[in-house]
Amino acid sequence: MLGEAVICRPLEVSVRDDRVEQAIRQLKNRLAREGILRELKNRRHFCKPSELKRIKSREAARRRRKTSRQRPN
């Protein structure tokens, strides 16, 4: 996920009956689901390739721990 190209698609949220707050929440949820917020956070500053490896391995370990907690085998 880090350092990879991002395919852009337009995200649209319609505002109905002047419910701007609800539309903002929908937009935030869609951005989070698409991974755009995480990508912006990762691109705020330059990371060395060794740092990227370390971050990726940490994220993979976190995912493994999470899946092992979910499955009580």
PDB file of N, CA and C in Angstrom:
ATOM      1  N   MET A   1       0.819  -1.180   0.000  1.00  0.00           N
ATOM      2  CA  MET A   1       0.000   0.000   0.000  1.00  0.00           C
ATOM      3  C   MET A   1       0.871   1.254   0.000  1.00  0.00           C
ATOM      4  N   LEU A   2       1.982   1.250   0.668  1.00  0.00           N
ATOM      5  CA  LEU A   2       2.833   2.420   0.711  1.00  0.00           C
ATOM      6  C   LEU A   2       3.641   2.516  -0.573  1.00  0.00           C
ATOM      7  N   GLY A   3       3.680   3.691  -1.165  1.00  0.00           N
ATOM      8  CA  GLY A   3       4.481   3.908  -2.342  1.00  0.00           C
ATOM      9  C   GLY A   3       3.878   3.357  -3.623  1.00  0.00           C
ATOM     10  N   GLU A   4       2.642   2.935  -3.600  1.00  0.00           N
ATOM     11  CA  GLU A   4       2.006   2.383  -4.784  1.00  0.00           C
ATOM     12  C   GLU A   4       1.180   3.461  -5.476  1.00  0.00           C
ATOM     13  N   ALA A   5       0.943   3.255  -6.763  1.00  0.00           N
ATOM     14  CA  ALA A   5       0.127   4.196  -7.520  1.00  0.00           C
ATOM     15  C   ALA A   5      -1.333   4.058  -7.108  1.00  0.00           C
ATOM     16  N   VAL A   6      -2.030   5.157  -7.136  1.00  0.00           N
ATOM     17  CA  VAL A   6      -3.433   5.175  -6.742  1.00  0.00           C
ATOM     18  C   VAL A   6      -4.280   5.440  -7.978  1.00  0.00           C
ATOM     19  N   ILE A   7      -5.300   4.624  -8.173  1.00  0.00           N
ATOM     20  CA  ILE A   7      -6.227   4.830  -9.277  1.00  0.00           C
ATOM     21  C   ILE A   7      -7.335   5.748  -8.775  1.00  0.00           C
ATOM     22  N   CYS A   8      -7.522   6.873  -9.444  1.00  0.00           N
ATOM     23  CA  CYS A   8      -8.488   7.871  -8.979  1.00  0.00           C
ATOM     24  C   CYS A   8      -9.843   7.661  -9.644  1.00  0.00           C
ATOM     25  N   ARG A   9     -10.856   7.685  -8.809  1.00  0.00           N
ATOM     26  CA  ARG A   9     -12.240   7.661  -9.268  1.00  0.00           C
ATOM     27  C   ARG A   9     -12.943   8.818  -8.584  1.00  0.00           C
ATOM     28  N   PRO A  10     -13.882   9.441  -9.259  1.00  0.00           N
ATOM     29  CA  PRO A  10     -14.592  10.542  -8.599  1.00  0.00           C
ATOM     30  C   PRO A  10     -15.502  10.020  -7.490  1.00  0.00           C
ATOM     31  N   LEU A  11     -15.482  10.698  -6.363  1.00  0.00           N
ATOM     32  CA  LEU A  11     -16.372  10.375  -5.253  1.00  0.00           C
ATOM     33  C   LEU A  11     -17.420  11.472  -5.173  1.00  0.00           C
ATOM     34  N   GLU A  12     -18.661  11.076  -5.226  1.00  0.00           N
ATOM     35  CA  GLU A  12     -19.742  12.051  -5.163  1.00  0.00           C
ATOM     36  C   GLU A  12     -20.653  11.725  -3.998  1.00  0.00           C
ATOM     37  N   VAL A  13     -21.081  12.778  -3.315  1.00  0.00           N
ATOM     38  CA  VAL A  13     -22.039  12.642  -2.224  1.00  0.00           C
ATOM     39  C   VAL A  13     -23.123  13.676  -2.472  1.00  0.00           C
ATOM     40  N   SER A  14     -24.352  13.229  -2.490  1.00  0.00           N
ATOM     41  CA  SER A  14     -25.449  14.166  -2.729  1.00  0.00           C
ATOM     42  C   SER A  14     -25.986  14.673  -1.392  1.00  0.00           C
ATOM     43  N   VAL A  15     -26.293  15.969  -1.353  1.00  0.00           N
ATOM     44  CA  VAL A  15     -26.847  16.599  -0.159  1.00  0.00           C
ATOM     45  C   VAL A  15     -28.350  16.690  -0.352  1.00  0.00           C
ATOM     46  N   ARG A  16     -29.072  16.029   0.531  1.00  0.00           N
ATOM     47  CA  ARG A  16     -30.535  16.017   0.433  1.00  0.00           C
ATOM     48  C   ARG A  16     -31.143  16.764   1.619  1.00  0.00           C
ATOM     49  N   ASP A  17     -32.099  17.583   1.333  1.00  0.00           N
ATOM     50  CA  ASP A  17     -32.844  18.322   2.364  1.00  0.00           C
ATOM     51  C   ASP A  17     -31.928  19.111   3.293  1.00  0.00           C
ATOM     52  N   ASP A  18     -30.907  19.737   2.754  1.00  0.00           N
ATOM     53  CA  ASP A  18     -29.966  20.568   3.518  1.00  0.00           C
ATOM     54  C   ASP A  18     -29.299  19.815   4.661  1.00  0.00           C
ATOM     55  N   ARG A  19     -29.010  18.548   4.489  1.00  0.00           N
ATOM     56  CA  ARG A  19     -28.315  17.751   5.512  1.00  0.00           C
ATOM     57  C   ARG A  19     -26.828  17.691   5.161  1.00  0.00           C
ATOM     58  N   VAL A  20     -26.153  18.801   5.376  1.00  0.00           N
ATOM     59  CA  VAL A  20     -24.747  18.909   5.022  1.00  0.00           C
ATOM     60  C   VAL A  20     -23.891  18.038   5.933  1.00  0.00           C
ATOM     61  N   GLU A  21     -24.208  17.993   7.222  1.00  0.00           N
ATOM     62  CA  GLU A  21     -23.422  17.198   8.165  1.00  0.00           C
ATOM     63  C   GLU A  21     -23.448  15.723   7.789  1.00  0.00           C
ATOM     64  N   GLN A  22     -24.618  15.243   7.394  1.00  0.00           N
ATOM     65  CA  GLN A  22     -24.746  13.843   6.990  1.00  0.00           C
ATOM     66  C   GLN A  22     -23.926  13.577   5.721  1.00  0.00           C
ATOM     67  N   ALA A  23     -23.933  14.520   4.796  1.00  0.00           N
ATOM     68  CA  ALA A  23     -23.164  14.365   3.563  1.00  0.00           C
ATOM     69  C   ALA A  23     -21.666  14.347   3.857  1.00  0.00           C
ATOM     70  N   ILE A  24     -21.225  15.176   4.809  1.00  0.00           N
ATOM     71  CA  ILE A  24     -19.810  15.195   5.182  1.00  0.00           C
ATOM     72  C   ILE A  24     -19.413  13.863   5.802  1.00  0.00           C
ATOM     73  N   ARG A  25     -20.279  13.304   6.661  1.00  0.00           N
ATOM     74  CA  ARG A  25     -19.997  11.993   7.255  1.00  0.00           C
ATOM     75  C   ARG A  25     -19.900  10.916   6.182  1.00  0.00           C
ATOM     76  N   GLN A  26     -20.809  10.950   5.215  1.00  0.00           N
ATOM     77  CA  GLN A  26     -20.776   9.979   4.121  1.00  0.00           C
ATOM     78  C   GLN A  26     -19.484  10.100   3.325  1.00  0.00           C
ATOM     79  N   LEU A  27     -19.067  11.336   3.057  1.00  0.00           N
ATOM     80  CA  LEU A  27     -17.835  11.556   2.307  1.00  0.00           C
ATOM     81  C   LEU A  27     -16.633  11.028   3.080  1.00  0.00           C
ATOM     82  N   LYS A  28     -16.568  11.302   4.381  1.00  0.00           N
ATOM     83  CA  LYS A  28     -15.460  10.807   5.195  1.00  0.00           C
ATOM     84  C   LYS A  28     -15.415   9.286   5.202  1.00  0.00           C
ATOM     85  N   ASN A  29     -16.589   8.655   5.308  1.00  0.00           N
ATOM     86  CA  ASN A  29     -16.637   7.193   5.297  1.00  0.00           C
ATOM     87  C   ASN A  29     -16.154   6.634   3.965  1.00  0.00           C
ATOM     88  N   ARG A  30     -16.567   7.251   2.873  1.00  0.00           N
ATOM     89  CA  ARG A  30     -16.133   6.776   1.560  1.00  0.00           C
ATOM     90  C   ARG A  30     -14.639   6.973   1.361  1.00  0.00           C
ATOM     91  N   LEU A  31     -14.112   8.110   1.817  1.00  0.00           N
ATOM     92  CA  LEU A  31     -12.675   8.347   1.712  1.00  0.00           C
ATOM     93  C   LEU A  31     -11.898   7.313   2.519  1.00  0.00           C
ATOM     94  N   ALA A  32     -12.387   7.002   3.711  1.00  0.00           N
ATOM     95  CA  ALA A  32     -11.713   6.007   4.545  1.00  0.00           C
ATOM     96  C   ALA A  32     -11.783   4.629   3.897  1.00  0.00           C
ATOM     97  N   ARG A  33     -12.923   4.278   3.343  1.00  0.00           N
ATOM     98  CA  ARG A  33     -13.095   2.971   2.702  1.00  0.00           C
ATOM     99  C   ARG A  33     -12.177   2.823   1.492  1.00  0.00           C
ATOM    100  N   GLU A  34     -11.997   3.902   0.733  1.00  0.00           N
ATOM    101  CA  GLU A  34     -11.139   3.869  -0.448  1.00  0.00           C
ATOM    102  C   GLU A  34      -9.659   3.895  -0.072  1.00  0.00           C
ATOM    103  N   GLY A  35      -9.344   4.275   1.162  1.00  0.00           N
ATOM    104  CA  GLY A  35      -7.951   4.326   1.590  1.00  0.00           C
ATOM    105  C   GLY A  35      -7.264   5.635   1.258  1.00  0.00           C
ATOM    106  N   ILE A  36      -8.035   6.629   0.903  1.00  0.00           N
ATOM    107  CA  ILE A  36      -7.454   7.907   0.500  1.00  0.00           C
ATOM    108  C   ILE A  36      -6.864   8.639   1.699  1.00  0.00           C
ATOM    109  N   LEU A  37      -7.543   8.592   2.837  1.00  0.00           N
ATOM    110  CA  LEU A  37      -7.035   9.282   4.021  1.00  0.00           C
ATOM    111  C   LEU A  37      -5.701   8.693   4.465  1.00  0.00           C
ATOM    112  N   ARG A  38      -5.593   7.370   4.443  1.00  0.00           N
ATOM    113  CA  ARG A  38      -4.337   6.713   4.825  1.00  0.00           C
ATOM    114  C   ARG A  38      -3.223   7.076   3.843  1.00  0.00           C
ATOM    115  N   GLU A  39      -3.557   7.123   2.561  1.00  0.00           N
ATOM    116  CA  GLU A  39      -2.568   7.467   1.543  1.00  0.00           C
ATOM    117  C   GLU A  39      -2.074   8.899   1.739  1.00  0.00           C
ATOM    118  N   LEU A  40      -2.977   9.821   2.036  1.00  0.00           N
ATOM    119  CA  LEU A  40      -2.567  11.203   2.299  1.00  0.00           C
ATOM    120  C   LEU A  40      -1.649  11.277   3.508  1.00  0.00           C
ATOM    121  N   LYS A  41      -1.984  10.535   4.540  1.00  0.00           N
ATOM    122  CA  LYS A  41      -1.155  10.523   5.743  1.00  0.00           C
ATOM    123  C   LYS A  41       0.239   9.983   5.425  1.00  0.00           C
ATOM    124  N   ASN A  42       0.308   8.950   4.607  1.00  0.00           N
ATOM    125  CA  ASN A  42       1.597   8.352   4.274  1.00  0.00           C
ATOM    126  C   ASN A  42       2.442   9.253   3.388  1.00  0.00           C
ATOM    127  N   ARG A  43       1.820  10.074   2.572  1.00  0.00           N
ATOM    128  CA  ARG A  43       2.568  10.909   1.630  1.00  0.00           C
ATOM    129  C   ARG A  43       2.910  12.295   2.176  1.00  0.00           C
ATOM    130  N   ARG A  44       2.624  12.539   3.432  1.00  0.00           N
ATOM    131  CA  ARG A  44       2.920  13.867   3.983  1.00  0.00           C
ATOM    132  C   ARG A  44       4.408  14.154   4.023  1.00  0.00           C
ATOM    133  N   HIS A  45       5.211  13.119   4.213  1.00  0.00           N
ATOM    134  CA  HIS A  45       6.652  13.303   4.223  1.00  0.00           C
ATOM    135  C   HIS A  45       7.309  12.105   3.566  1.00  0.00           C
ATOM    136  N   PHE A  46       8.559  12.277   3.162  1.00  0.00           N
ATOM    137  CA  PHE A  46       9.287  11.214   2.483  1.00  0.00           C
ATOM    138  C   PHE A  46       9.730  10.164   3.489  1.00  0.00           C
ATOM    139  N   CYS A  47       9.567   8.901   3.118  1.00  0.00           N
ATOM    140  CA  CYS A  47      10.052   7.791   3.942  1.00  0.00           C
ATOM    141  C   CYS A  47      11.108   7.039   3.154  1.00  0.00           C
ATOM    142  N   LYS A  48      12.193   6.717   3.822  1.00  0.00           N
ATOM    143  CA  LYS A  48      13.239   5.938   3.179  1.00  0.00           C
ATOM    144  C   LYS A  48      12.706   4.537   2.889  1.00  0.00           C
ATOM    145  N   PRO A  49      13.289   3.845   1.905  1.00  0.00           N
ATOM    146  CA  PRO A  49      12.841   2.486   1.599  1.00  0.00           C
ATOM    147  C   PRO A  49      12.951   1.536   2.792  1.00  0.00           C
ATOM    148  N   SER A  50      13.976   1.698   3.615  1.00  0.00           N
ATOM    149  CA  SER A  50      14.106   0.832   4.794  1.00  0.00           C
ATOM    150  C   SER A  50      12.973   1.103   5.782  1.00  0.00           C
ATOM    151  N   GLU A  51      12.570   2.369   5.887  1.00  0.00           N
ATOM    152  CA  GLU A  51      11.436   2.711   6.752  1.00  0.00           C
ATOM    153  C   GLU A  51      10.147   2.095   6.229  1.00  0.00           C
ATOM    154  N   LEU A  52       9.969   2.135   4.898  1.00  0.00           N
ATOM    155  CA  LEU A  52       8.770   1.558   4.298  1.00  0.00           C
ATOM    156  C   LEU A  52       8.685   0.066   4.589  1.00  0.00           C
ATOM    157  N   LYS A  53       9.827  -0.633   4.489  1.00  0.00           N
ATOM    158  CA  LYS A  53       9.842  -2.070   4.797  1.00  0.00           C
ATOM    159  C   LYS A  53       9.425  -2.309   6.231  1.00  0.00           C
ATOM    160  N   ARG A  54       9.971  -1.512   7.138  1.00  0.00           N
ATOM    161  CA  ARG A  54       9.662  -1.670   8.558  1.00  0.00           C
ATOM    162  C   ARG A  54       8.173  -1.421   8.823  1.00  0.00           C
ATOM    163  N   ILE A  55       7.632  -0.382   8.218  1.00  0.00           N
ATOM    164  CA  ILE A  55       6.218  -0.057   8.403  1.00  0.00           C
ATOM    165  C   ILE A  55       5.338  -1.168   7.841  1.00  0.00           C
ATOM    166  N   LYS A  56       5.684  -1.670   6.646  1.00  0.00           N
ATOM    167  CA  LYS A  56       4.892  -2.744   6.038  1.00  0.00           C
ATOM    168  C   LYS A  56       4.919  -3.997   6.896  1.00  0.00           C
ATOM    169  N   SER A  57       6.094  -4.330   7.449  1.00  0.00           N
ATOM    170  CA  SER A  57       6.167  -5.538   8.281  1.00  0.00           C
ATOM    171  C   SER A  57       5.366  -5.357   9.562  1.00  0.00           C
ATOM    172  N   ARG A  58       5.368  -4.155  10.134  1.00  0.00           N
ATOM    173  CA  ARG A  58       4.553  -3.897  11.324  1.00  0.00           C
ATOM    174  C   ARG A  58       3.066  -4.044  11.021  1.00  0.00           C
ATOM    175  N   GLU A  59       2.643  -3.485   9.886  1.00  0.00           N
ATOM    176  CA  GLU A  59       1.232  -3.592   9.512  1.00  0.00           C
ATOM    177  C   GLU A  59       0.836  -5.039   9.260  1.00  0.00           C
ATOM    178  N   ALA A  60       1.715  -5.813   8.637  1.00  0.00           N
ATOM    179  CA  ALA A  60       1.421  -7.229   8.386  1.00  0.00           C
ATOM    180  C   ALA A  60       1.316  -7.990   9.700  1.00  0.00           C
ATOM    181  N   ALA A  61       2.209  -7.690  10.645  1.00  0.00           N
ATOM    182  CA  ALA A  61       2.156  -8.353  11.951  1.00  0.00           C
ATOM    183  C   ALA A  61       0.865  -7.992  12.674  1.00  0.00           C
ATOM    184  N   ARG A  62       0.455  -6.737  12.573  1.00  0.00           N
ATOM    185  CA  ARG A  62      -0.791  -6.315  13.212  1.00  0.00           C
ATOM    186  C   ARG A  62      -1.983  -7.050  12.603  1.00  0.00           C
ATOM    187  N   ARG A  63      -1.984  -7.193  11.268  1.00  0.00           N
ATOM    188  CA  ARG A  63      -3.074  -7.925  10.614  1.00  0.00           C
ATOM    189  C   ARG A  63      -3.087  -9.389  11.041  1.00  0.00           C
ATOM    190  N   ARG A  64      -1.900 -10.007  11.149  1.00  0.00           N
ATOM    191  CA  ARG A  64      -1.838 -11.411  11.586  1.00  0.00           C
ATOM    192  C   ARG A  64      -2.375 -11.563  12.997  1.00  0.00           C
ATOM    193  N   ARG A  65      -1.986 -10.651  13.901  1.00  0.00           N
ATOM    194  CA  ARG A  65      -2.494 -10.720  15.276  1.00  0.00           C
ATOM    195  C   ARG A  65      -4.004 -10.546  15.308  1.00  0.00           C
ATOM    196  N   LYS A  66      -4.499  -9.634  14.500  1.00  0.00           N
ATOM    197  CA  LYS A  66      -5.936  -9.371  14.468  1.00  0.00           C
ATOM    198  C   LYS A  66      -6.702 -10.599  13.981  1.00  0.00           C
ATOM    199  N   THR A  67      -6.220 -11.243  12.921  1.00  0.00           N
ATOM    200  CA  THR A  67      -6.919 -12.424  12.412  1.00  0.00           C
ATOM    201  C   THR A  67      -6.804 -13.590  13.380  1.00  0.00           C
ATOM    202  N   SER A  68      -5.688 -13.700  14.090  1.00  0.00           N
ATOM    203  CA  SER A  68      -5.561 -14.803  15.051  1.00  0.00           C
ATOM    204  C   SER A  68      -6.487 -14.584  16.245  1.00  0.00           C
ATOM    205  N   ARG A  69      -6.746 -13.338  16.605  1.00  0.00           N
ATOM    206  CA  ARG A  69      -7.690 -13.057  17.691  1.00  0.00           C
ATOM    207  C   ARG A  69      -9.121 -13.347  17.267  1.00  0.00           C
ATOM    208  N   GLN A  70      -9.424 -13.096  15.998  1.00  0.00           N
ATOM    209  CA  GLN A  70     -10.785 -13.307  15.515  1.00  0.00           C
ATOM    210  C   GLN A  70     -11.123 -14.781  15.398  1.00  0.00           C
ATOM    211  N   ARG A  71     -10.138 -15.609  15.028  1.00  0.00           N
ATOM    212  CA  ARG A  71     -10.380 -17.050  14.891  1.00  0.00           C
ATOM    213  C   ARG A  71      -9.806 -17.769  16.099  1.00  0.00           C
ATOM    214  N   PRO A  72     -10.632 -18.300  16.976  1.00  0.00           N
ATOM    215  CA  PRO A  72     -10.124 -18.971  18.187  1.00  0.00           C
ATOM    216  C   PRO A  72      -9.705 -20.419  17.917  1.00  0.00           C
ATOM    217  N   ASN A  73      -8.733 -20.642  17.037  1.00  0.00           N
ATOM    218  CA  ASN A  73      -8.250 -22.000  16.728  1.00  0.00           C
ATOM    219  C   ASN A  73      -7.089 -22.375  17.592  1.00  0.00           C
TER     220      ASN A  73
END
